[in-house]
């Protein structure tokens, strides 16, 4: 059976932590930033963990299982 290919879109969007969790960036940080508050932009800059419901899908896209 051939190797499972990693989805290249997911490869660019998600990163793995050392404990096996999947990190993602927040949306709404790319343009139209003048009307957003400094606090909101700062908080959107940080990474966050993906939702528990999406973890199995993301792991399949990253060819982890």
C-alpha atoms as a PDB file:
ATOM      1  CA  UNK A   1       0.000   0.000   0.000  1.00  0.00           C
ATOM      2  CA  UNK A   2       1.413   3.442  -0.913  1.00  0.00           C
ATOM      3  CA  UNK A   3       2.302   6.094   1.601  1.00  0.00           C
ATOM      4  CA  UNK A   4      -0.388   8.602   2.517  1.00  0.00           C
ATOM      5  CA  UNK A   5       0.269  12.074   1.110  1.00  0.00           C
ATOM      6  CA  UNK A   6       0.175  15.148   3.323  1.00  0.00           C
ATOM      7  CA  UNK A   7      -2.363  17.756   2.236  1.00  0.00           C
ATOM      8  CA  UNK A   8      -0.245  20.737   1.173  1.00  0.00           C
ATOM      9  CA  UNK A   9      -2.874  23.295   2.251  1.00  0.00           C
ATOM     10  CA  UNK A  10      -2.986  21.830   5.756  1.00  0.00           C
ATOM     11  CA  UNK A  11       0.802  21.636   5.852  1.00  0.00           C
ATOM     12  CA  UNK A  12       0.983  25.423   5.398  1.00  0.00           C
ATOM     13  CA  UNK A  13      -1.745  26.210   7.960  1.00  0.00           C
ATOM     14  CA  UNK A  14      -1.125  23.869  10.888  1.00  0.00           C
ATOM     15  CA  UNK A  15       1.909  23.123  13.041  1.00  0.00           C
ATOM     16  CA  UNK A  16       2.422  20.358  15.555  1.00  0.00           C
ATOM     17  CA  UNK A  17       3.436  21.003  19.137  1.00  0.00           C
ATOM     18  CA  UNK A  18       5.810  18.767  21.053  1.00  0.00           C
ATOM     19  CA  UNK A  19       2.909  17.137  22.894  1.00  0.00           C
ATOM     20  CA  UNK A  20       1.079  16.247  19.653  1.00  0.00           C
ATOM     21  CA  UNK A  21      -1.482  19.051  19.655  1.00  0.00           C
ATOM     22  CA  UNK A  22      -2.156  21.042  16.489  1.00  0.00           C
ATOM     23  CA  UNK A  23      -1.714  24.814  16.410  1.00  0.00           C
ATOM     24  CA  UNK A  24      -3.368  27.255  14.018  1.00  0.00           C
ATOM     25  CA  UNK A  25      -3.348  30.992  13.409  1.00  0.00           C
ATOM     26  CA  UNK A  26      -6.371  33.216  13.909  1.00  0.00           C
ATOM     27  CA  UNK A  27      -8.351  34.586  10.976  1.00  0.00           C
ATOM     28  CA  UNK A  28      -9.146  38.296  10.350  1.00  0.00           C
ATOM     29  CA  UNK A  29      -5.565  39.530  10.759  1.00  0.00           C
ATOM     30  CA  UNK A  30      -4.630  40.144   7.119  1.00  0.00           C
ATOM     31  CA  UNK A  31      -6.353  43.371   6.006  1.00  0.00           C
ATOM     32  CA  UNK A  32      -8.803  46.128   7.036  1.00  0.00           C
ATOM     33  CA  UNK A  33      -6.857  46.541  10.267  1.00  0.00           C
ATOM     34  CA  UNK A  34      -7.519  50.251  10.847  1.00  0.00           C
ATOM     35  CA  UNK A  35     -10.978  49.744  12.330  1.00  0.00           C
ATOM     36  CA  UNK A  36      -9.851  46.902  14.631  1.00  0.00           C
ATOM     37  CA  UNK A  37      -8.617  47.783  18.084  1.00  0.00           C
ATOM     38  CA  UNK A  38      -4.996  47.277  19.086  1.00  0.00           C
ATOM     39  CA  UNK A  39      -6.005  44.705  21.687  1.00  0.00           C
ATOM     40  CA  UNK A  40      -7.996  42.722  19.123  1.00  0.00           C
ATOM     41  CA  UNK A  41      -5.130  42.747  16.599  1.00  0.00           C
ATOM     42  CA  UNK A  42      -2.641  41.717  19.259  1.00  0.00           C
ATOM     43  CA  UNK A  43      -4.778  38.784  20.370  1.00  0.00           C
ATOM     44  CA  UNK A  44      -5.336  37.679  16.771  1.00  0.00           C
ATOM     45  CA  UNK A  45      -1.576  37.488  16.300  1.00  0.00           C
ATOM     46  CA  UNK A  46      -1.137  34.615  18.726  1.00  0.00           C
ATOM     47  CA  UNK A  47      -1.476  30.944  17.840  1.00  0.00           C
ATOM     48  CA  UNK A  48      -4.250  28.819  19.301  1.00  0.00           C
ATOM     49  CA  UNK A  49      -5.055  25.139  19.480  1.00  0.00           C
ATOM     50  CA  UNK A  50      -7.545  23.781  16.948  1.00  0.00           C
ATOM     51  CA  UNK A  51     -10.980  22.699  18.127  1.00  0.00           C
ATOM     52  CA  UNK A  52     -11.323  19.176  19.511  1.00  0.00           C
ATOM     53  CA  UNK A  53     -13.984  18.362  16.891  1.00  0.00           C
ATOM     54  CA  UNK A  54     -11.544  19.211  14.064  1.00  0.00           C
ATOM     55  CA  UNK A  55      -8.511  17.365  15.421  1.00  0.00           C
ATOM     56  CA  UNK A  56      -9.213  14.012  13.772  1.00  0.00           C
ATOM     57  CA  UNK A  57      -9.752  15.676  10.358  1.00  0.00           C
ATOM     58  CA  UNK A  58      -6.573  17.722  10.667  1.00  0.00           C
ATOM     59  CA  UNK A  59      -4.561  14.662  11.638  1.00  0.00           C
ATOM     60  CA  UNK A  60      -5.822  12.853   8.540  1.00  0.00           C
ATOM     61  CA  UNK A  61      -4.838  15.827   6.357  1.00  0.00           C
ATOM     62  CA  UNK A  62      -1.388  15.900   7.946  1.00  0.00           C
ATOM     63  CA  UNK A  63      -1.087  12.117   7.363  1.00  0.00           C
ATOM     64  CA  UNK A  64      -0.494  11.416  11.039  1.00  0.00           C
ATOM     65  CA  UNK A  65      -2.670   8.272  11.143  1.00  0.00           C
END
